[in-house]
Amino acid sequence: MEQPLLLLVLDLTGTFAFALNGALTAVRAVRVDIVGVIALGMVTAMGGGIIRDVMLVQPPATFQDWRYLAVAAVGALIAFAFGHNMSRLSTPIEVLDAVGLSFFAVTGAMKAVDFGLGPVQAIILGTITAVGGGTIRDALLGRVPSVLRDGLYAVPAFIGAGIAVLSSLFGLYGAVAAVIAAAVCFFIRVLGLRFGWNAPVPRAWKRRDPPATRR
């Protein structure tokens, strides 16, 4: 069947991209050994999918199919072996993050639809799948997660998941719809990085200095 194969390909591609991203982030941000690099890579790659499957009350796919663990481990090992050549480059990390975000938003939403969830719930779950691994990665690194400080991180995932879900409602559930949804998510994320776009934020209160004391 095309659909399971499509989900598998997108899932494994996203897993590989996020594993590289998490491991390269570890190499760049902190001094960790091979265990730390692989752990951060695998957590980034599989965290969102595990959260998704737990919310669907089913065994996580990463523990049912050895290919997820293998792909995540290979991605993390590649980053460990060659990351010193890329540790000063932020662009590869950001691009890999955008790739993983895009694929996971689509696969998370599509799996939620297959599970029988409604459109809104499927879009939310697709977004959680996309941002979950990166959120855990940032928390382990002791920094504010990207989903909370980067306006165009969760937003592209939400849009990509929404396109995937709406396509299924109109009977366009397949490879073309999935690729279009992932591409839209990817380009919005990349454009946001390129031009510094952000979602609306609360208006900051102006700091008022206390009045000077007259002598």
N, C-alpha and C. Protein backbone atom coordinates (compact mmCIF):
# COMPACT_ATOMS: atom_id res chain seq x y z
N MET A 1 0.85 -1.20 0.00
CA MET A 1 0.00 0.00 0.00
C MET A 1 0.88 1.25 0.00
N GLU A 2 0.44 2.26 -0.75
CA GLU A 2 1.24 3.47 -0.87
C GLU A 2 1.31 4.23 0.45
N GLN A 3 0.19 4.29 1.13
CA GLN A 3 0.15 5.12 2.33
C GLN A 3 1.12 4.67 3.42
N PRO A 4 1.11 3.38 3.83
CA PRO A 4 2.09 2.97 4.85
C PRO A 4 3.53 3.19 4.40
N LEU A 5 3.83 2.91 3.13
CA LEU A 5 5.19 3.11 2.63
C LEU A 5 5.56 4.59 2.67
N LEU A 6 4.62 5.44 2.30
CA LEU A 6 4.87 6.88 2.33
C LEU A 6 5.14 7.37 3.74
N LEU A 7 4.31 6.92 4.68
CA LEU A 7 4.51 7.31 6.08
C LEU A 7 5.87 6.84 6.58
N LEU A 8 6.26 5.63 6.21
CA LEU A 8 7.53 5.09 6.66
C LEU A 8 8.70 5.91 6.11
N VAL A 9 8.64 6.22 4.82
CA VAL A 9 9.73 6.99 4.20
C VAL A 9 9.84 8.38 4.83
N LEU A 10 8.71 9.06 5.00
CA LEU A 10 8.73 10.38 5.61
C LEU A 10 9.20 10.32 7.05
N ASP A 11 8.72 9.31 7.77
CA ASP A 11 9.10 9.17 9.17
C ASP A 11 10.61 8.92 9.32
N LEU A 12 11.14 8.02 8.52
CA LEU A 12 12.56 7.69 8.63
C LEU A 12 13.43 8.86 8.16
N THR A 13 12.98 9.58 7.13
CA THR A 13 13.73 10.75 6.68
C THR A 13 13.74 11.83 7.76
N GLY A 14 12.58 12.07 8.36
CA GLY A 14 12.52 13.03 9.45
C GLY A 14 13.34 12.59 10.65
N THR A 15 13.33 11.30 10.93
CA THR A 15 14.12 10.77 12.04
C THR A 15 15.61 11.01 11.81
N PHE A 16 16.08 10.75 10.60
CA PHE A 16 17.49 10.95 10.27
C PHE A 16 17.86 12.43 10.37
N ALA A 17 17.01 13.29 9.81
CA ALA A 17 17.30 14.73 9.84
C ALA A 17 17.34 15.25 11.26
N PHE A 18 16.39 14.85 12.08
CA PHE A 18 16.35 15.33 13.46
C PHE A 18 17.49 14.74 14.29
N ALA A 19 17.90 13.50 13.98
CA ALA A 19 19.04 12.92 14.70
C ALA A 19 20.31 13.70 14.41
N LEU A 20 20.54 14.02 13.14
CA LEU A 20 21.68 14.85 12.79
C LEU A 20 21.59 16.22 13.47
N ASN A 21 20.40 16.80 13.44
CA ASN A 21 20.21 18.11 14.04
C ASN A 21 20.51 18.11 15.53
N GLY A 22 19.94 17.14 16.24
CA GLY A 22 20.15 17.08 17.69
C GLY A 22 21.60 16.83 18.05
N ALA A 23 22.25 15.94 17.31
CA ALA A 23 23.65 15.63 17.60
C ALA A 23 24.56 16.81 17.25
N LEU A 24 24.31 17.47 16.12
CA LEU A 24 25.11 18.64 15.76
C LEU A 24 24.90 19.78 16.75
N THR A 25 23.68 19.91 17.24
CA THR A 25 23.43 20.92 18.26
C THR A 25 24.23 20.63 19.52
N ALA A 26 24.32 19.36 19.87
CA ALA A 26 25.11 18.97 21.05
C ALA A 26 26.58 19.26 20.83
N VAL A 27 27.09 18.94 19.64
CA VAL A 27 28.49 19.20 19.34
C VAL A 27 28.79 20.68 19.39
N ARG A 28 27.86 21.48 18.92
CA ARG A 28 28.08 22.92 18.83
C ARG A 28 27.87 23.62 20.17
N ALA A 29 26.91 23.17 20.95
CA ALA A 29 26.50 23.92 22.14
C ALA A 29 27.29 23.57 23.40
N VAL A 30 27.56 22.30 23.59
CA VAL A 30 28.18 21.87 24.84
C VAL A 30 29.25 20.83 24.56
N ARG A 31 30.11 20.64 25.55
CA ARG A 31 31.14 19.61 25.45
C ARG A 31 30.60 18.31 26.04
N VAL A 32 30.21 17.39 25.18
CA VAL A 32 29.70 16.11 25.62
C VAL A 32 30.45 15.00 24.92
N ASP A 33 30.44 13.82 25.53
CA ASP A 33 31.11 12.68 24.92
C ASP A 33 30.19 12.00 23.92
N ILE A 34 30.62 10.86 23.42
CA ILE A 34 29.85 10.16 22.38
C ILE A 34 28.47 9.76 22.89
N VAL A 35 28.38 9.42 24.18
CA VAL A 35 27.09 9.03 24.75
C VAL A 35 26.13 10.22 24.73
N GLY A 36 26.63 11.40 25.11
CA GLY A 36 25.78 12.58 25.11
C GLY A 36 25.34 12.98 23.72
N VAL A 37 26.24 12.91 22.75
CA VAL A 37 25.90 13.26 21.37
C VAL A 37 24.82 12.33 20.83
N ILE A 38 25.02 11.03 21.02
CA ILE A 38 24.05 10.06 20.50
C ILE A 38 22.72 10.20 21.24
N ALA A 39 22.78 10.40 22.54
CA ALA A 39 21.54 10.54 23.31
C ALA A 39 20.72 11.74 22.85
N LEU A 40 21.38 12.89 22.68
CA LEU A 40 20.66 14.08 22.23
C LEU A 40 20.13 13.91 20.81
N GLY A 41 20.92 13.25 19.96
CA GLY A 41 20.45 13.00 18.61
C GLY A 41 19.23 12.11 18.57
N MET A 42 19.23 11.05 19.35
CA MET A 42 18.12 10.10 19.35
C MET A 42 16.89 10.68 20.03
N VAL A 43 17.10 11.46 21.08
CA VAL A 43 15.96 12.10 21.75
C VAL A 43 15.28 13.09 20.81
N THR A 44 16.09 13.87 20.09
CA THR A 44 15.53 14.83 19.14
C THR A 44 14.77 14.12 18.04
N ALA A 45 15.31 12.99 17.58
CA ALA A 45 14.71 12.27 16.46
C ALA A 45 13.43 11.54 16.85
N MET A 46 13.37 11.00 18.05
CA MET A 46 12.26 10.11 18.40
C MET A 46 11.32 10.67 19.45
N GLY A 47 11.69 11.78 20.08
CA GLY A 47 10.88 12.31 21.17
C GLY A 47 9.46 12.67 20.75
N GLY A 48 9.32 13.38 19.62
CA GLY A 48 8.00 13.78 19.17
C GLY A 48 7.12 12.60 18.82
N GLY A 49 7.69 11.60 18.15
CA GLY A 49 6.92 10.41 17.79
C GLY A 49 6.47 9.62 19.01
N ILE A 50 7.33 9.56 20.01
CA ILE A 50 6.96 8.84 21.24
C ILE A 50 5.80 9.56 21.93
N ILE A 51 5.89 10.89 22.02
CA ILE A 51 4.80 11.66 22.63
C ILE A 51 3.50 11.43 21.87
N ARG A 52 3.58 11.45 20.55
CA ARG A 52 2.39 11.21 19.71
C ARG A 52 1.76 9.85 19.99
N ASP A 53 2.58 8.80 19.99
CA ASP A 53 2.04 7.46 20.17
C ASP A 53 1.51 7.25 21.58
N VAL A 54 2.14 7.85 22.57
CA VAL A 54 1.63 7.75 23.94
C VAL A 54 0.26 8.42 24.04
N MET A 55 0.10 9.57 23.39
CA MET A 55 -1.19 10.26 23.39
C MET A 55 -2.25 9.47 22.63
N LEU A 56 -1.83 8.67 21.65
CA LEU A 56 -2.75 7.79 20.93
C LEU A 56 -2.98 6.47 21.65
N VAL A 57 -2.33 6.31 22.79
CA VAL A 57 -2.45 5.10 23.63
C VAL A 57 -2.09 3.87 22.82
N GLN A 58 -0.91 3.90 22.23
CA GLN A 58 -0.40 2.75 21.51
C GLN A 58 1.11 2.68 21.69
N PRO A 59 1.69 1.47 21.54
CA PRO A 59 3.14 1.35 21.71
C PRO A 59 3.87 2.23 20.71
N PRO A 60 4.89 2.99 21.15
CA PRO A 60 5.64 3.86 20.23
C PRO A 60 6.22 3.09 19.06
N ALA A 61 6.09 3.67 17.87
CA ALA A 61 6.60 3.02 16.66
C ALA A 61 8.10 2.80 16.73
N THR A 62 8.81 3.68 17.45
CA THR A 62 10.26 3.56 17.53
C THR A 62 10.70 2.30 18.26
N PHE A 63 9.83 1.73 19.08
CA PHE A 63 10.16 0.51 19.81
C PHE A 63 9.57 -0.73 19.15
N GLN A 64 8.79 -0.53 18.09
CA GLN A 64 8.23 -1.66 17.36
C GLN A 64 8.99 -1.95 16.07
N ASP A 65 9.68 -0.96 15.56
CA ASP A 65 10.40 -1.11 14.30
C ASP A 65 11.86 -0.70 14.53
N TRP A 66 12.77 -1.65 14.39
CA TRP A 66 14.19 -1.41 14.68
C TRP A 66 14.80 -0.35 13.76
N ARG A 67 14.15 -0.10 12.62
CA ARG A 67 14.72 0.85 11.67
C ARG A 67 14.76 2.27 12.23
N TYR A 68 13.81 2.63 13.09
CA TYR A 68 13.82 3.97 13.68
C TYR A 68 15.05 4.17 14.55
N LEU A 69 15.31 3.19 15.41
CA LEU A 69 16.48 3.27 16.28
C LEU A 69 17.77 3.28 15.46
N ALA A 70 17.81 2.44 14.43
CA ALA A 70 19.01 2.34 13.61
C ALA A 70 19.28 3.64 12.86
N VAL A 71 18.25 4.21 12.25
CA VAL A 71 18.41 5.45 11.50
C VAL A 71 18.82 6.60 12.42
N ALA A 72 18.19 6.67 13.59
CA ALA A 72 18.54 7.72 14.55
C ALA A 72 19.99 7.57 15.03
N ALA A 73 20.40 6.34 15.30
CA ALA A 73 21.76 6.11 15.77
C ALA A 73 22.78 6.45 14.69
N VAL A 74 22.49 6.08 13.45
CA VAL A 74 23.41 6.38 12.35
C VAL A 74 23.54 7.89 12.17
N GLY A 75 22.43 8.60 12.20
CA GLY A 75 22.47 10.05 12.07
C GLY A 75 23.30 10.70 13.17
N ALA A 76 23.11 10.24 14.40
CA ALA A 76 23.87 10.79 15.52
C ALA A 76 25.35 10.47 15.40
N LEU A 77 25.68 9.25 14.96
CA LEU A 77 27.09 8.86 14.80
C LEU A 77 27.77 9.66 13.70
N ILE A 78 27.05 9.95 12.62
CA ILE A 78 27.62 10.77 11.55
C ILE A 78 27.96 12.16 12.09
N ALA A 79 27.05 12.71 12.88
CA ALA A 79 27.31 14.03 13.46
C ALA A 79 28.49 13.98 14.42
N PHE A 80 28.61 12.90 15.18
CA PHE A 80 29.73 12.78 16.11
C PHE A 80 31.05 12.68 15.36
N ALA A 81 31.06 11.92 14.25
CA ALA A 81 32.30 11.70 13.51
C ALA A 81 32.72 12.91 12.72
N PHE A 82 31.77 13.63 12.15
CA PHE A 82 32.11 14.73 11.25
C PHE A 82 31.62 16.08 11.73
N GLY A 83 31.03 16.11 12.90
CA GLY A 83 30.44 17.35 13.39
C GLY A 83 31.45 18.44 13.66
N HIS A 84 32.71 18.08 13.93
CA HIS A 84 33.72 19.11 14.20
C HIS A 84 33.94 20.00 12.99
N ASN A 85 33.65 19.46 11.80
CA ASN A 85 33.79 20.28 10.59
C ASN A 85 32.60 21.21 10.37
N MET A 86 31.50 20.94 11.11
CA MET A 86 30.29 21.72 10.92
C MET A 86 29.88 22.45 12.19
N SER A 87 30.67 22.29 13.24
CA SER A 87 30.25 22.80 14.54
C SER A 87 30.09 24.32 14.56
N ARG A 88 30.77 25.02 13.65
CA ARG A 88 30.66 26.48 13.62
C ARG A 88 29.62 26.98 12.62
N LEU A 89 28.97 26.04 11.96
CA LEU A 89 28.01 26.41 10.94
C LEU A 89 26.59 26.23 11.48
N SER A 90 25.85 27.30 11.56
CA SER A 90 24.48 27.21 12.07
C SER A 90 23.49 26.83 10.97
N THR A 91 23.83 27.12 9.72
CA THR A 91 22.90 26.85 8.63
C THR A 91 22.53 25.38 8.47
N PRO A 92 23.50 24.44 8.46
CA PRO A 92 23.12 23.03 8.34
C PRO A 92 22.19 22.58 9.47
N ILE A 93 22.44 23.06 10.68
CA ILE A 93 21.59 22.68 11.79
C ILE A 93 20.17 23.18 11.59
N GLU A 94 20.03 24.42 11.16
CA GLU A 94 18.71 25.00 10.97
C GLU A 94 17.96 24.34 9.82
N VAL A 95 18.67 24.00 8.74
CA VAL A 95 18.02 23.34 7.61
C VAL A 95 17.55 21.95 7.99
N LEU A 96 18.40 21.20 8.69
CA LEU A 96 18.00 19.87 9.14
C LEU A 96 16.81 19.94 10.08
N ASP A 97 16.79 20.95 10.93
CA ASP A 97 15.67 21.12 11.84
C ASP A 97 14.39 21.39 11.05
N ALA A 98 14.48 22.19 9.99
CA ALA A 98 13.31 22.49 9.17
C ALA A 98 12.82 21.25 8.43
N VAL A 99 13.75 20.42 7.97
CA VAL A 99 13.37 19.17 7.29
C VAL A 99 12.63 18.24 8.24
N GLY A 100 13.22 18.02 9.42
CA GLY A 100 12.57 17.15 10.39
C GLY A 100 11.22 17.69 10.82
N LEU A 101 11.15 19.00 11.05
CA LEU A 101 9.89 19.63 11.44
C LEU A 101 8.81 19.38 10.40
N SER A 102 9.16 19.53 9.13
CA SER A 102 8.19 19.39 8.04
C SER A 102 7.67 17.96 7.93
N PHE A 103 8.57 17.01 7.92
CA PHE A 103 8.15 15.62 7.75
C PHE A 103 7.34 15.12 8.95
N PHE A 104 7.77 15.48 10.15
CA PHE A 104 7.07 15.01 11.32
C PHE A 104 5.70 15.65 11.48
N ALA A 105 5.55 16.91 11.06
CA ALA A 105 4.23 17.54 11.11
C ALA A 105 3.24 16.78 10.24
N VAL A 106 3.70 16.35 9.06
CA VAL A 106 2.83 15.64 8.13
C VAL A 106 2.54 14.22 8.63
N THR A 107 3.58 13.49 9.01
CA THR A 107 3.36 12.10 9.43
C THR A 107 2.54 12.04 10.72
N GLY A 108 2.79 12.98 11.64
CA GLY A 108 2.01 12.98 12.88
C GLY A 108 0.54 13.22 12.61
N ALA A 109 0.24 14.18 11.73
CA ALA A 109 -1.16 14.46 11.39
C ALA A 109 -1.80 13.30 10.65
N MET A 110 -1.06 12.69 9.72
CA MET A 110 -1.62 11.58 8.94
C MET A 110 -1.89 10.37 9.82
N LYS A 111 -1.01 10.10 10.77
CA LYS A 111 -1.23 8.97 11.67
C LYS A 111 -2.42 9.23 12.58
N ALA A 112 -2.60 10.49 12.99
CA ALA A 112 -3.76 10.82 13.82
C ALA A 112 -5.05 10.64 13.03
N VAL A 113 -5.05 11.02 11.75
CA VAL A 113 -6.22 10.82 10.90
C VAL A 113 -6.51 9.33 10.76
N ASP A 114 -5.48 8.52 10.51
CA ASP A 114 -5.65 7.08 10.40
C ASP A 114 -6.21 6.48 11.68
N PHE A 115 -5.86 7.08 12.81
CA PHE A 115 -6.31 6.58 14.10
C PHE A 115 -7.77 6.94 14.37
N GLY A 116 -8.33 7.84 13.56
CA GLY A 116 -9.73 8.20 13.70
C GLY A 116 -9.99 9.48 14.45
N LEU A 117 -8.96 10.28 14.68
CA LEU A 117 -9.16 11.55 15.37
C LEU A 117 -9.79 12.58 14.44
N GLY A 118 -10.41 13.60 15.04
CA GLY A 118 -11.00 14.66 14.25
C GLY A 118 -9.94 15.56 13.67
N PRO A 119 -10.33 16.44 12.74
CA PRO A 119 -9.37 17.32 12.06
C PRO A 119 -8.55 18.19 13.01
N VAL A 120 -9.22 18.84 13.95
CA VAL A 120 -8.51 19.74 14.87
C VAL A 120 -7.52 18.95 15.72
N GLN A 121 -7.98 17.82 16.25
CA GLN A 121 -7.09 17.00 17.08
C GLN A 121 -5.90 16.47 16.28
N ALA A 122 -6.14 16.12 15.02
CA ALA A 122 -5.06 15.60 14.18
C ALA A 122 -4.03 16.69 13.89
N ILE A 123 -4.48 17.91 13.65
CA ILE A 123 -3.54 19.01 13.41
C ILE A 123 -2.71 19.29 14.64
N ILE A 124 -3.35 19.30 15.80
CA ILE A 124 -2.63 19.54 17.05
C ILE A 124 -1.60 18.44 17.29
N LEU A 125 -1.99 17.20 17.04
CA LEU A 125 -1.07 16.09 17.28
C LEU A 125 0.08 16.11 16.29
N GLY A 126 -0.19 16.52 15.05
CA GLY A 126 0.89 16.66 14.08
C GLY A 126 1.89 17.72 14.51
N THR A 127 1.38 18.82 15.05
CA THR A 127 2.27 19.88 15.53
C THR A 127 3.10 19.40 16.71
N ILE A 128 2.48 18.67 17.63
CA ILE A 128 3.21 18.14 18.78
C ILE A 128 4.29 17.16 18.33
N THR A 129 3.98 16.34 17.35
CA THR A 129 4.97 15.41 16.82
C THR A 129 6.18 16.15 16.27
N ALA A 130 5.92 17.27 15.60
CA ALA A 130 7.00 18.02 14.96
C ALA A 130 7.89 18.74 15.96
N VAL A 131 7.30 19.30 17.00
CA VAL A 131 8.08 20.14 17.92
C VAL A 131 8.52 19.40 19.18
N GLY A 132 7.99 18.20 19.40
CA GLY A 132 8.27 17.49 20.65
C GLY A 132 9.74 17.15 20.86
N GLY A 133 10.39 16.59 19.84
CA GLY A 133 11.79 16.20 19.98
C GLY A 133 12.70 17.39 20.21
N GLY A 134 12.48 18.47 19.46
CA GLY A 134 13.28 19.67 19.64
C GLY A 134 13.08 20.30 21.00
N THR A 135 11.86 20.21 21.52
CA THR A 135 11.57 20.75 22.85
C THR A 135 12.34 19.99 23.92
N ILE A 136 12.35 18.66 23.82
CA ILE A 136 13.10 17.86 24.79
C ILE A 136 14.59 18.13 24.67
N ARG A 137 15.08 18.25 23.43
CA ARG A 137 16.50 18.57 23.20
C ARG A 137 16.90 19.86 23.88
N ASP A 138 16.11 20.91 23.66
CA ASP A 138 16.43 22.21 24.25
C ASP A 138 16.37 22.17 25.76
N ALA A 139 15.40 21.43 26.30
CA ALA A 139 15.29 21.32 27.75
C ALA A 139 16.51 20.63 28.34
N LEU A 140 16.99 19.59 27.69
CA LEU A 140 18.19 18.88 28.16
C LEU A 140 19.43 19.76 28.06
N LEU A 141 19.44 20.68 27.10
CA LEU A 141 20.56 21.60 26.95
C LEU A 141 20.45 22.82 27.85
N GLY A 142 19.35 22.89 28.60
CA GLY A 142 19.18 23.98 29.55
C GLY A 142 18.86 25.32 28.93
N ARG A 143 18.10 25.32 27.84
CA ARG A 143 17.73 26.58 27.21
C ARG A 143 16.24 26.59 26.91
N VAL A 144 15.69 27.77 26.70
CA VAL A 144 14.27 27.89 26.41
C VAL A 144 13.98 27.20 25.08
N PRO A 145 13.01 26.28 25.04
CA PRO A 145 12.71 25.56 23.79
C PRO A 145 12.37 26.51 22.65
N SER A 146 12.76 26.11 21.44
CA SER A 146 12.50 26.92 20.26
C SER A 146 11.02 27.20 20.07
N VAL A 147 10.18 26.25 20.44
CA VAL A 147 8.75 26.42 20.24
C VAL A 147 8.19 27.57 21.07
N LEU A 148 8.89 27.95 22.14
CA LEU A 148 8.42 29.03 23.00
C LEU A 148 9.06 30.37 22.70
N ARG A 149 10.17 30.37 21.96
CA ARG A 149 10.86 31.64 21.71
C ARG A 149 10.98 31.98 20.24
N ASP A 150 10.65 31.05 19.37
CA ASP A 150 10.77 31.28 17.93
C ASP A 150 9.38 31.25 17.33
N GLY A 151 8.88 32.42 16.92
CA GLY A 151 7.52 32.51 16.44
C GLY A 151 7.19 31.65 15.24
N LEU A 152 8.17 31.40 14.37
CA LEU A 152 7.92 30.58 13.19
C LEU A 152 8.58 29.22 13.35
N TYR A 153 8.29 28.56 14.44
CA TYR A 153 8.70 27.18 14.65
C TYR A 153 7.47 26.29 14.73
N ALA A 154 6.61 26.58 15.67
CA ALA A 154 5.37 25.82 15.77
C ALA A 154 4.39 26.20 14.67
N VAL A 155 4.40 27.47 14.24
CA VAL A 155 3.45 27.94 13.22
C VAL A 155 3.59 27.16 11.89
N PRO A 156 4.81 26.99 11.33
CA PRO A 156 4.92 26.20 10.10
C PRO A 156 4.46 24.76 10.29
N ALA A 157 4.76 24.18 11.45
CA ALA A 157 4.32 22.81 11.71
C ALA A 157 2.80 22.73 11.73
N PHE A 158 2.17 23.71 12.36
CA PHE A 158 0.71 23.75 12.43
C PHE A 158 0.11 23.87 11.03
N ILE A 159 0.70 24.73 10.20
CA ILE A 159 0.20 24.92 8.83
C ILE A 159 0.40 23.64 8.01
N GLY A 160 1.60 23.03 8.11
CA GLY A 160 1.85 21.80 7.36
C GLY A 160 0.91 20.69 7.77
N ALA A 161 0.69 20.53 9.07
CA ALA A 161 -0.24 19.51 9.55
C ALA A 161 -1.65 19.83 9.07
N GLY A 162 -2.01 21.11 9.07
CA GLY A 162 -3.34 21.49 8.62
C GLY A 162 -3.58 21.17 7.16
N ILE A 163 -2.57 21.42 6.31
CA ILE A 163 -2.70 21.10 4.89
C ILE A 163 -2.87 19.60 4.69
N ALA A 164 -2.10 18.80 5.43
CA ALA A 164 -2.20 17.35 5.32
C ALA A 164 -3.59 16.86 5.72
N VAL A 165 -4.12 17.40 6.81
CA VAL A 165 -5.44 16.97 7.30
C VAL A 165 -6.54 17.42 6.34
N LEU A 166 -6.49 18.67 5.88
CA LEU A 166 -7.51 19.16 4.95
C LEU A 166 -7.48 18.39 3.63
N SER A 167 -6.29 18.01 3.20
CA SER A 167 -6.17 17.22 1.97
C SER A 167 -6.89 15.89 2.12
N SER A 168 -6.74 15.28 3.29
CA SER A 168 -7.41 14.00 3.52
C SER A 168 -8.92 14.16 3.54
N LEU A 169 -9.40 15.29 4.05
CA LEU A 169 -10.85 15.52 4.10
C LEU A 169 -11.44 15.68 2.70
N PHE A 170 -10.63 16.20 1.77
CA PHE A 170 -11.09 16.39 0.39
C PHE A 170 -10.70 15.22 -0.52
N GLY A 171 -10.29 14.12 0.07
CA GLY A 171 -9.97 12.94 -0.70
C GLY A 171 -8.66 13.00 -1.44
N LEU A 172 -7.76 13.87 -1.03
CA LEU A 172 -6.45 14.01 -1.69
C LEU A 172 -5.35 13.40 -0.84
N TYR A 173 -5.68 12.35 -0.13
CA TYR A 173 -4.76 11.73 0.81
C TYR A 173 -3.76 10.87 0.06
N GLY A 174 -2.51 11.31 -0.06
CA GLY A 174 -1.53 10.53 -0.79
C GLY A 174 -0.19 11.22 -0.83
N ALA A 175 0.68 10.72 -1.71
CA ALA A 175 2.06 11.21 -1.75
C ALA A 175 2.14 12.68 -2.15
N VAL A 176 1.35 13.08 -3.15
CA VAL A 176 1.42 14.46 -3.62
C VAL A 176 1.01 15.43 -2.52
N ALA A 177 -0.10 15.14 -1.86
CA ALA A 177 -0.58 16.01 -0.78
C ALA A 177 0.42 16.08 0.36
N ALA A 178 1.02 14.95 0.70
CA ALA A 178 1.99 14.92 1.80
C ALA A 178 3.23 15.74 1.46
N VAL A 179 3.71 15.61 0.23
CA VAL A 179 4.90 16.35 -0.18
C VAL A 179 4.62 17.85 -0.21
N ILE A 180 3.44 18.23 -0.70
CA ILE A 180 3.08 19.65 -0.73
C ILE A 180 2.99 20.21 0.68
N ALA A 181 2.35 19.48 1.58
CA ALA A 181 2.22 19.93 2.97
C ALA A 181 3.59 20.10 3.62
N ALA A 182 4.48 19.12 3.41
CA ALA A 182 5.82 19.20 3.99
C ALA A 182 6.61 20.35 3.37
N ALA A 183 6.45 20.57 2.07
CA ALA A 183 7.18 21.65 1.39
C ALA A 183 6.74 23.02 1.89
N VAL A 184 5.44 23.19 2.09
CA VAL A 184 4.94 24.47 2.60
C VAL A 184 5.50 24.74 3.99
N CYS A 185 5.47 23.71 4.85
CA CYS A 185 6.02 23.85 6.20
C CYS A 185 7.50 24.22 6.14
N PHE A 186 8.24 23.53 5.30
CA PHE A 186 9.68 23.77 5.18
C PHE A 186 9.99 25.19 4.73
N PHE A 187 9.30 25.65 3.69
CA PHE A 187 9.61 26.96 3.14
C PHE A 187 9.20 28.09 4.08
N ILE A 188 8.10 27.90 4.80
CA ILE A 188 7.72 28.92 5.78
C ILE A 188 8.77 29.01 6.87
N ARG A 189 9.24 27.86 7.34
CA ARG A 189 10.27 27.85 8.37
C ARG A 189 11.58 28.49 7.87
N VAL A 190 11.99 28.13 6.66
CA VAL A 190 13.23 28.68 6.11
C VAL A 190 13.10 30.18 5.86
N LEU A 191 11.97 30.62 5.34
CA LEU A 191 11.77 32.05 5.12
C LEU A 191 11.77 32.81 6.45
N GLY A 192 11.18 32.20 7.47
CA GLY A 192 11.20 32.84 8.77
C GLY A 192 12.61 33.00 9.30
N LEU A 193 13.45 31.98 9.09
CA LEU A 193 14.85 32.06 9.52
C LEU A 193 15.61 33.10 8.71
N ARG A 194 15.33 33.11 7.40
CA ARG A 194 16.07 34.01 6.51
C ARG A 194 15.77 35.48 6.79
N PHE A 195 14.51 35.78 7.02
CA PHE A 195 14.10 37.18 7.16
C PHE A 195 13.76 37.58 8.60
N GLY A 196 13.95 36.65 9.52
CA GLY A 196 13.70 36.96 10.92
C GLY A 196 12.24 37.18 11.25
N TRP A 197 11.36 36.49 10.54
CA TRP A 197 9.93 36.65 10.80
C TRP A 197 9.54 35.98 12.10
N ASN A 198 8.56 36.54 12.76
CA ASN A 198 8.03 35.97 13.99
C ASN A 198 6.53 36.16 14.04
N ALA A 199 5.90 35.30 14.79
CA ALA A 199 4.47 35.46 15.03
C ALA A 199 4.26 36.64 15.97
N PRO A 200 3.04 37.19 16.04
CA PRO A 200 2.78 38.31 16.96
C PRO A 200 3.13 37.94 18.40
N VAL A 201 3.72 38.87 19.10
CA VAL A 201 4.10 38.67 20.50
C VAL A 201 3.42 39.72 21.36
N PRO A 202 3.27 39.47 22.65
CA PRO A 202 2.66 40.47 23.52
C PRO A 202 3.46 41.76 23.52
N ARG A 203 2.75 42.87 23.55
CA ARG A 203 3.42 44.17 23.59
C ARG A 203 4.15 44.33 24.92
N ALA A 204 5.43 44.59 24.83
CA ALA A 204 6.22 44.69 26.06
C ALA A 204 5.87 45.96 26.81
N TRP A 205 5.84 45.80 28.12
CA TRP A 205 5.61 46.97 28.95
C TRP A 205 6.87 47.83 28.96
N LYS A 206 6.69 49.11 28.84
CA LYS A 206 7.84 50.01 28.89
C LYS A 206 8.31 50.13 30.34
N ARG A 207 9.58 49.96 30.49
CA ARG A 207 10.14 50.09 31.83
C ARG A 207 10.15 51.56 32.25
N ARG A 208 9.58 51.81 33.39
CA ARG A 208 9.53 53.19 33.89
C ARG A 208 10.49 53.32 35.06
N ASP A 209 11.45 54.17 34.88
CA ASP A 209 12.39 54.39 35.96
C ASP A 209 11.72 55.20 37.07
N PRO A 210 12.06 54.90 38.32
CA PRO A 210 11.47 55.66 39.42
C PRO A 210 11.88 57.12 39.33
N PRO A 211 10.99 58.02 39.70
CA PRO A 211 11.32 59.44 39.62
C PRO A 211 12.50 59.78 40.47
N ALA A 212 13.31 60.72 40.00
CA ALA A 212 14.51 61.11 40.73
C ALA A 212 14.11 61.81 42.02
N THR A 213 14.84 61.53 43.07
CA THR A 213 14.57 62.14 44.37
C THR A 213 15.20 63.51 44.46
N ARG A 214 14.36 64.46 44.76
CA ARG A 214 14.87 65.83 44.86
C ARG A 214 15.62 66.01 46.18
N ARG A 215 16.74 66.71 46.11
CA ARG A 215 17.51 67.00 47.30
C ARG A 215 17.32 68.44 47.73
